[in-house]
Amino acid sequence: MQKILKYRISDDKDFVREIELKDDSTFKDLHVAIQKNCKYDPSLITMFYIADENWEPSDEPEKTILLERIDEKTQSDCLLMEDTPLNYTKPEKGMKYQYVYDLLSENYFYVEIIDIRNYTKKDEKTKFPKCTFAEGIPPQQITIDDIEEEFDEQSALEDFDELEEDVENPYYDNEFEDGYDEFGGGYDDGYDY
């Protein structure tokens, strides 16, 4: 029998969303629902990690669900969102995931299954995924454009030039009058090397 899964998506502040999906929907459907609700760019690198009861993500590749593989060698055992239905992970109430929505700044949401119910006749008229609860403002997603705006290449080069001027070389700046430096070696000690 078809089930409806209710997920609570939250951060460690005051952002909360509750989204219902059919259990044969994919993790990509859940990903897109979260992204649309937060008005994020859904094309950025994101992933789900199956987590333990303390929200610690598993480091096993088969418990990592990627939007797309970046490296075929190291991620070949990872699941793909579009190929993985929600019921693949044998969902049960209380099951936890970390959803990395912002890989650039390593930001993630806590995702937990808070309810599982049977699909009813009433659900036939409902369009899924469905947001059933919303509280708080979504945290900002960092994009490549944001990073490029923050990084001013000309300014960085000027800072580097200033650094070069301020650096003192201890081998040459601490020379004594007799031609020897403080370590006993000189720049011209009379020996032919």
C-alpha atoms as a PDB file:
ATOM      1  CA  MET A   1       0.000   0.000   0.000  1.00  0.00           C
ATOM      2  CA  GLN A   2       1.167   3.501  -0.882  1.00  0.00           C
ATOM      3  CA  LYS A   3       2.407   5.576   2.065  1.00  0.00           C
ATOM      4  CA  ILE A   4       2.739   9.291   2.685  1.00  0.00           C
ATOM      5  CA  LEU A   5       5.953  10.368   4.391  1.00  0.00           C
ATOM      6  CA  LYS A   6       6.125  13.622   6.324  1.00  0.00           C
ATOM      7  CA  TYR A   7       9.594  15.153   6.658  1.00  0.00           C
ATOM      8  CA  ARG A   8      10.600  17.928   9.040  1.00  0.00           C
ATOM      9  CA  ILE A   9      13.394  20.068   7.606  1.00  0.00           C
ATOM     10  CA  SER A  10      15.116  22.396  10.087  1.00  0.00           C
ATOM     11  CA  ASP A  11      18.336  24.130  10.986  1.00  0.00           C
ATOM     12  CA  ASP A  12      19.821  24.862  14.394  1.00  0.00           C
ATOM     13  CA  LYS A  13      18.034  28.220  14.534  1.00  0.00           C
ATOM     14  CA  ASP A  14      14.353  28.928  13.836  1.00  0.00           C
ATOM     15  CA  PHE A  15      13.862  27.613  10.292  1.00  0.00           C
ATOM     16  CA  VAL A  16      11.353  24.717  10.001  1.00  0.00           C
ATOM     17  CA  ARG A  17       9.439  23.217   7.084  1.00  0.00           C
ATOM     18  CA  GLU A  18       7.283  20.107   7.004  1.00  0.00           C
ATOM     19  CA  ILE A  19       6.843  18.475   3.621  1.00  0.00           C
ATOM     20  CA  GLU A  20       4.744  15.453   2.651  1.00  0.00           C
ATOM     21  CA  LEU A  21       5.600  13.186  -0.284  1.00  0.00           C
ATOM     22  CA  LYS A  22       4.488   9.808  -1.564  1.00  0.00           C
ATOM     23  CA  ASP A  23       6.924   7.092  -0.572  1.00  0.00           C
ATOM     24  CA  ASP A  24       7.652   6.205  -4.207  1.00  0.00           C
ATOM     25  CA  SER A  25       8.834   9.795  -4.858  1.00  0.00           C
ATOM     26  CA  THR A  26      12.582  10.155  -5.227  1.00  0.00           C
ATOM     27  CA  PHE A  27      15.140  11.955  -3.129  1.00  0.00           C
ATOM     28  CA  LYS A  28      15.390  14.360  -6.054  1.00  0.00           C
ATOM     29  CA  ASP A  29      11.696  15.206  -5.533  1.00  0.00           C
ATOM     30  CA  LEU A  30      12.425  15.962  -1.871  1.00  0.00           C
ATOM     31  CA  HIS A  31      15.508  17.968  -2.874  1.00  0.00           C
ATOM     32  CA  VAL A  32      13.520  20.061  -5.399  1.00  0.00           C
ATOM     33  CA  ALA A  33      10.696  20.606  -2.860  1.00  0.00           C
ATOM     34  CA  ILE A  34      13.157  21.945  -0.281  1.00  0.00           C
ATOM     35  CA  GLN A  35      14.967  24.079  -2.845  1.00  0.00           C
ATOM     36  CA  LYS A  36      11.741  25.598  -4.232  1.00  0.00           C
ATOM     37  CA  ASN A  37      10.398  26.314  -0.768  1.00  0.00           C
ATOM     38  CA  CYS A  38      13.639  28.093   0.170  1.00  0.00           C
ATOM     39  CA  LYS A  39      13.999  29.750  -3.265  1.00  0.00           C
ATOM     40  CA  TYR A  40      17.452  28.211  -3.667  1.00  0.00           C
ATOM     41  CA  ASP A  41      19.283  27.317  -6.857  1.00  0.00           C
ATOM     42  CA  PRO A  42      18.540  23.562  -7.224  1.00  0.00           C
ATOM     43  CA  SER A  43      21.416  22.988  -9.648  1.00  0.00           C
ATOM     44  CA  LEU A  44      24.162  23.463  -7.036  1.00  0.00           C
ATOM     45  CA  ILE A  45      25.959  20.493  -5.501  1.00  0.00           C
ATOM     46  CA  THR A  46      23.774  18.968  -2.796  1.00  0.00           C
ATOM     47  CA  MET A  47      23.497  15.619  -1.052  1.00  0.00           C
ATOM     48  CA  PHE A  48      21.665  13.641   1.596  1.00  0.00           C
ATOM     49  CA  TYR A  49      23.497  11.600   4.201  1.00  0.00           C
ATOM     50  CA  ILE A  50      21.650   8.948   6.177  1.00  0.00           C
ATOM     51  CA  ALA A  51      22.402   9.873   9.807  1.00  0.00           C
ATOM     52  CA  ASP A  52      22.238   8.132  13.168  1.00  0.00           C
ATOM     53  CA  GLU A  53      20.017   9.163  16.094  1.00  0.00           C
ATOM     54  CA  ASN A  54      22.573  11.862  17.042  1.00  0.00           C
ATOM     55  CA  TRP A  55      22.467  13.378  13.539  1.00  0.00           C
ATOM     56  CA  GLU A  56      25.953  12.082  12.732  1.00  0.00           C
ATOM     57  CA  PRO A  57      26.110  11.322   8.994  1.00  0.00           C
ATOM     58  CA  SER A  58      27.292   7.933   7.828  1.00  0.00           C
ATOM     59  CA  ASP A  59      30.570   7.889   5.934  1.00  0.00           C
ATOM     60  CA  GLU A  60      29.548   4.773   4.016  1.00  0.00           C
ATOM     61  CA  PRO A  61      29.180   5.611   0.299  1.00  0.00           C
ATOM     62  CA  GLU A  62      25.977   3.570  -0.013  1.00  0.00           C
ATOM     63  CA  LYS A  63      24.386   5.841   2.623  1.00  0.00           C
ATOM     64  CA  THR A  64      25.210   8.983   0.654  1.00  0.00           C
ATOM     65  CA  ILE A  65      22.649  10.189  -1.884  1.00  0.00           C
ATOM     66  CA  LEU A  66      24.049  12.650  -4.420  1.00  0.00           C
ATOM     67  CA  LEU A  67      22.375  14.987  -6.889  1.00  0.00           C
ATOM     68  CA  GLU A  68      25.132  13.964  -9.307  1.00  0.00           C
ATOM     69  CA  ARG A  69      28.504  12.305  -9.129  1.00  0.00           C
ATOM     70  CA  ILE A  70      31.476  14.619  -9.357  1.00  0.00           C
ATOM     71  CA  ASP A  71      34.116  11.885  -9.246  1.00  0.00           C
ATOM     72  CA  GLU A  72      33.150   8.498 -10.679  1.00  0.00           C
ATOM     73  CA  LYS A  73      35.986   6.662  -8.919  1.00  0.00           C
ATOM     74  CA  THR A  74      35.379   7.809  -5.348  1.00  0.00           C
ATOM     75  CA  GLN A  75      31.590   8.169  -5.624  1.00  0.00           C
ATOM     76  CA  SER A  76      30.727   5.087  -7.665  1.00  0.00           C
ATOM     77  CA  ASP A  77      29.018   3.404  -4.668  1.00  0.00           C
ATOM     78  CA  CYS A  78      26.995   6.513  -3.763  1.00  0.00           C
ATOM     79  CA  LEU A  79      23.321   6.604  -4.684  1.00  0.00           C
ATOM     80  CA  LEU A  80      21.840   9.204  -7.033  1.00  0.00           C
ATOM     81  CA  MET A  81      18.793  11.254  -5.983  1.00  0.00           C
ATOM     82  CA  GLU A  82      16.880  10.777  -9.217  1.00  0.00           C
ATOM     83  CA  ASP A  83      17.346   6.979  -9.099  1.00  0.00           C
ATOM     84  CA  THR A  84      16.590   6.497  -5.399  1.00  0.00           C
ATOM     85  CA  PRO A  85      12.965   6.388  -4.221  1.00  0.00           C
ATOM     86  CA  LEU A  86      12.284   7.518  -0.658  1.00  0.00           C
ATOM     87  CA  ASN A  87      11.123   4.016   0.261  1.00  0.00           C
ATOM     88  CA  TYR A  88      14.498   2.547  -0.787  1.00  0.00           C
ATOM     89  CA  THR A  89      15.947   3.403   2.641  1.00  0.00           C
ATOM     90  CA  LYS A  90      13.119   1.523   4.413  1.00  0.00           C
ATOM     91  CA  PRO A  91      11.743   4.698   5.987  1.00  0.00           C
ATOM     92  CA  GLU A  92      10.467   4.679   9.521  1.00  0.00           C
ATOM     93  CA  LYS A  93       9.352   7.385  11.907  1.00  0.00           C
ATOM     94  CA  GLY A  94      12.366   9.095  13.475  1.00  0.00           C
ATOM     95  CA  MET A  95      14.769   8.272  10.616  1.00  0.00           C
ATOM     96  CA  LYS A  96      17.279  11.106  10.222  1.00  0.00           C
ATOM     97  CA  TYR A  97      19.252  12.593   7.353  1.00  0.00           C
ATOM     98  CA  GLN A  98      21.596  15.499   6.852  1.00  0.00           C
ATOM     99  CA  TYR A  99      20.778  17.457   3.712  1.00  0.00           C
ATOM    100  CA  VAL A 100      23.770  19.502   2.540  1.00  0.00           C
ATOM    101  CA  TYR A 101      22.155  22.343   0.595  1.00  0.00           C
ATOM    102  CA  ASP A 102      25.206  24.567   0.455  1.00  0.00           C
ATOM    103  CA  LEU A 103      28.409  22.620  -0.109  1.00  0.00           C
ATOM    104  CA  LEU A 104      30.513  25.790  -0.527  1.00  0.00           C
ATOM    105  CA  SER A 105      29.932  26.808   3.074  1.00  0.00           C
ATOM    106  CA  GLU A 106      29.087  23.300   4.351  1.00  0.00           C
ATOM    107  CA  ASN A 107      25.597  24.313   5.463  1.00  0.00           C
ATOM    108  CA  TYR A 108      23.008  21.625   5.949  1.00  0.00           C
ATOM    109  CA  PHE A 109      19.511  20.974   7.215  1.00  0.00           C
ATOM    110  CA  TYR A 110      18.382  18.316   9.636  1.00  0.00           C
ATOM    111  CA  VAL A 111      15.777  16.147   7.908  1.00  0.00           C
ATOM    112  CA  GLU A 112      13.643  13.744   9.938  1.00  0.00           C
ATOM    113  CA  ILE A 113      10.665  11.552   9.101  1.00  0.00           C
ATOM    114  CA  ILE A 114       8.053  12.676  11.631  1.00  0.00           C
ATOM    115  CA  ASP A 115       5.033  10.759  10.308  1.00  0.00           C
ATOM    116  CA  ILE A 116       4.155   7.877   8.006  1.00  0.00           C
ATOM    117  CA  ARG A 117       0.551   7.259   7.051  1.00  0.00           C
ATOM    118  CA  ASN A 118      -1.427   5.324   4.474  1.00  0.00           C
ATOM    119  CA  TYR A 119      -2.381   7.025   1.234  1.00  0.00           C
ATOM    120  CA  THR A 120      -6.141   7.726   1.324  1.00  0.00           C
ATOM    121  CA  LYS A 121      -8.857   8.648  -1.156  1.00  0.00           C
ATOM    122  CA  LYS A 122      -8.601  12.224   0.096  1.00  0.00           C
ATOM    123  CA  ASP A 123      -4.928  12.283  -1.019  1.00  0.00           C
ATOM    124  CA  GLU A 124      -5.977  11.676  -4.634  1.00  0.00           C
ATOM    125  CA  LYS A 125      -6.923  15.359  -4.896  1.00  0.00           C
ATOM    126  CA  THR A 126      -3.684  16.551  -3.284  1.00  0.00           C
ATOM    127  CA  LYS A 127      -0.659  17.620  -5.276  1.00  0.00           C
ATOM    128  CA  PHE A 128       2.572  16.241  -3.798  1.00  0.00           C
ATOM    129  CA  PRO A 129       5.059  17.275  -2.593  1.00  0.00           C
ATOM    130  CA  LYS A 130       3.063  19.417  -0.197  1.00  0.00           C
ATOM    131  CA  CYS A 131       4.383  21.837   2.426  1.00  0.00           C
ATOM    132  CA  THR A 132       2.170  21.465   5.499  1.00  0.00           C
ATOM    133  CA  PHE A 133       4.043  23.747   7.912  1.00  0.00           C
ATOM    134  CA  ALA A 134       6.432  26.681   7.507  1.00  0.00           C
ATOM    135  CA  GLU A 135       8.197  28.738  10.142  1.00  0.00           C
ATOM    136  CA  GLY A 136      11.206  31.030   9.939  1.00  0.00           C
ATOM    137  CA  ILE A 137      13.209  32.446   7.062  1.00  0.00           C
ATOM    138  CA  PRO A 138      15.480  30.089   5.104  1.00  0.00           C
ATOM    139  CA  PRO A 139      19.185  30.637   5.654  1.00  0.00           C
ATOM    140  CA  GLN A 140      21.046  32.186   2.737  1.00  0.00           C
ATOM    141  CA  GLN A 141      22.545  29.821   0.187  1.00  0.00           C
ATOM    142  CA  ILE A 142      26.075  30.736  -0.903  1.00  0.00           C
ATOM    143  CA  THR A 143      26.635  30.582  -4.663  1.00  0.00           C
ATOM    144  CA  ILE A 144      29.729  30.815  -6.852  1.00  0.00           C
ATOM    145  CA  ASP A 145      28.655  34.366  -7.778  1.00  0.00           C
ATOM    146  CA  ASP A 146      28.657  35.355  -4.087  1.00  0.00           C
ATOM    147  CA  ILE A 147      32.206  34.092  -3.701  1.00  0.00           C
ATOM    148  CA  GLU A 148      33.361  35.896  -6.844  1.00  0.00           C
ATOM    149  CA  GLU A 149      31.811  39.158  -5.579  1.00  0.00           C
ATOM    150  CA  GLU A 150      33.570  38.789  -2.223  1.00  0.00           C
ATOM    151  CA  PHE A 151      36.933  38.077  -3.848  1.00  0.00           C
ATOM    152  CA  ASP A 152      38.352  41.171  -5.528  1.00  0.00           C
ATOM    153  CA  GLU A 153      41.472  40.019  -7.398  1.00  0.00           C
ATOM    154  CA  GLN A 154      43.020  43.510  -7.684  1.00  0.00           C
ATOM    155  CA  SER A 155      42.550  44.139  -3.964  1.00  0.00           C
ATOM    156  CA  ALA A 156      44.100  40.764  -3.141  1.00  0.00           C
ATOM    157  CA  LEU A 157      47.163  41.620  -5.253  1.00  0.00           C
ATOM    158  CA  GLU A 158      47.521  45.003  -3.531  1.00  0.00           C
ATOM    159  CA  ASP A 159      47.355  43.277  -0.137  1.00  0.00           C
ATOM    160  CA  PHE A 160      50.096  40.880  -1.299  1.00  0.00           C
ATOM    161  CA  ASP A 161      52.306  43.775  -2.427  1.00  0.00           C
ATOM    162  CA  GLU A 162      51.905  45.429   0.986  1.00  0.00           C
ATOM    163  CA  LEU A 163      52.865  42.157   2.647  1.00  0.00           C
ATOM    164  CA  GLU A 164      56.048  41.902   0.577  1.00  0.00           C
ATOM    165  CA  GLU A 165      57.114  45.418   1.610  1.00  0.00           C
ATOM    166  CA  ASP A 166      56.598  44.701   5.308  1.00  0.00           C
ATOM    167  CA  VAL A 167      58.539  41.430   5.435  1.00  0.00           C
ATOM    168  CA  GLU A 168      62.037  41.713   6.838  1.00  0.00           C
ATOM    169  CA  ASN A 169      64.701  39.190   5.951  1.00  0.00           C
ATOM    170  CA  PRO A 170      66.489  38.262   9.187  1.00  0.00           C
ATOM    171  CA  TYR A 171      69.629  37.106   7.359  1.00  0.00           C
ATOM    172  CA  TYR A 172      70.333  40.458   5.732  1.00  0.00           C
ATOM    173  CA  ASP A 173      68.623  43.002   7.955  1.00  0.00           C
ATOM    174  CA  ASN A 174      70.433  41.907  11.132  1.00  0.00           C
ATOM    175  CA  GLU A 175      73.987  42.155   9.822  1.00  0.00           C
ATOM    176  CA  PHE A 176      76.635  43.503  12.132  1.00  0.00           C
ATOM    177  CA  GLU A 177      79.201  46.141  11.217  1.00  0.00           C
ATOM    178  CA  ASP A 178      81.974  43.571  10.768  1.00  0.00           C
ATOM    179  CA  GLY A 179      80.057  41.850   7.957  1.00  0.00           C
ATOM    180  CA  TYR A 180      78.806  38.944  10.077  1.00  0.00           C
ATOM    181  CA  ASP A 181      75.151  38.306  10.804  1.00  0.00           C
ATOM    182  CA  GLU A 182      73.771  37.290  14.189  1.00  0.00           C
ATOM    183  CA  PHE A 183      74.197  33.586  13.328  1.00  0.00           C
ATOM    184  CA  GLY A 184      77.953  33.883  12.771  1.00  0.00           C
ATOM    185  CA  GLY A 185      77.927  33.791   8.982  1.00  0.00           C
ATOM    186  CA  GLY A 186      78.621  36.765   6.832  1.00  0.00           C
ATOM    187  CA  TYR A 187      77.927  37.865   3.359  1.00  0.00           C
ATOM    188  CA  ASP A 188      81.639  38.295   2.683  1.00  0.00           C
ATOM    189  CA  ASP A 189      83.841  36.351   5.075  1.00  0.00           C
ATOM    190  CA  GLY A 190      86.928  36.195   2.852  1.00  0.00           C
ATOM    191  CA  TYR A 191      86.676  32.507   1.990  1.00  0.00           C
ATOM    192  CA  ASP A 192      86.527  31.300  -1.587  1.00  0.00           C
ATOM    193  CA  TYR A 193      83.751  28.676  -1.829  1.00  0.00           C
END
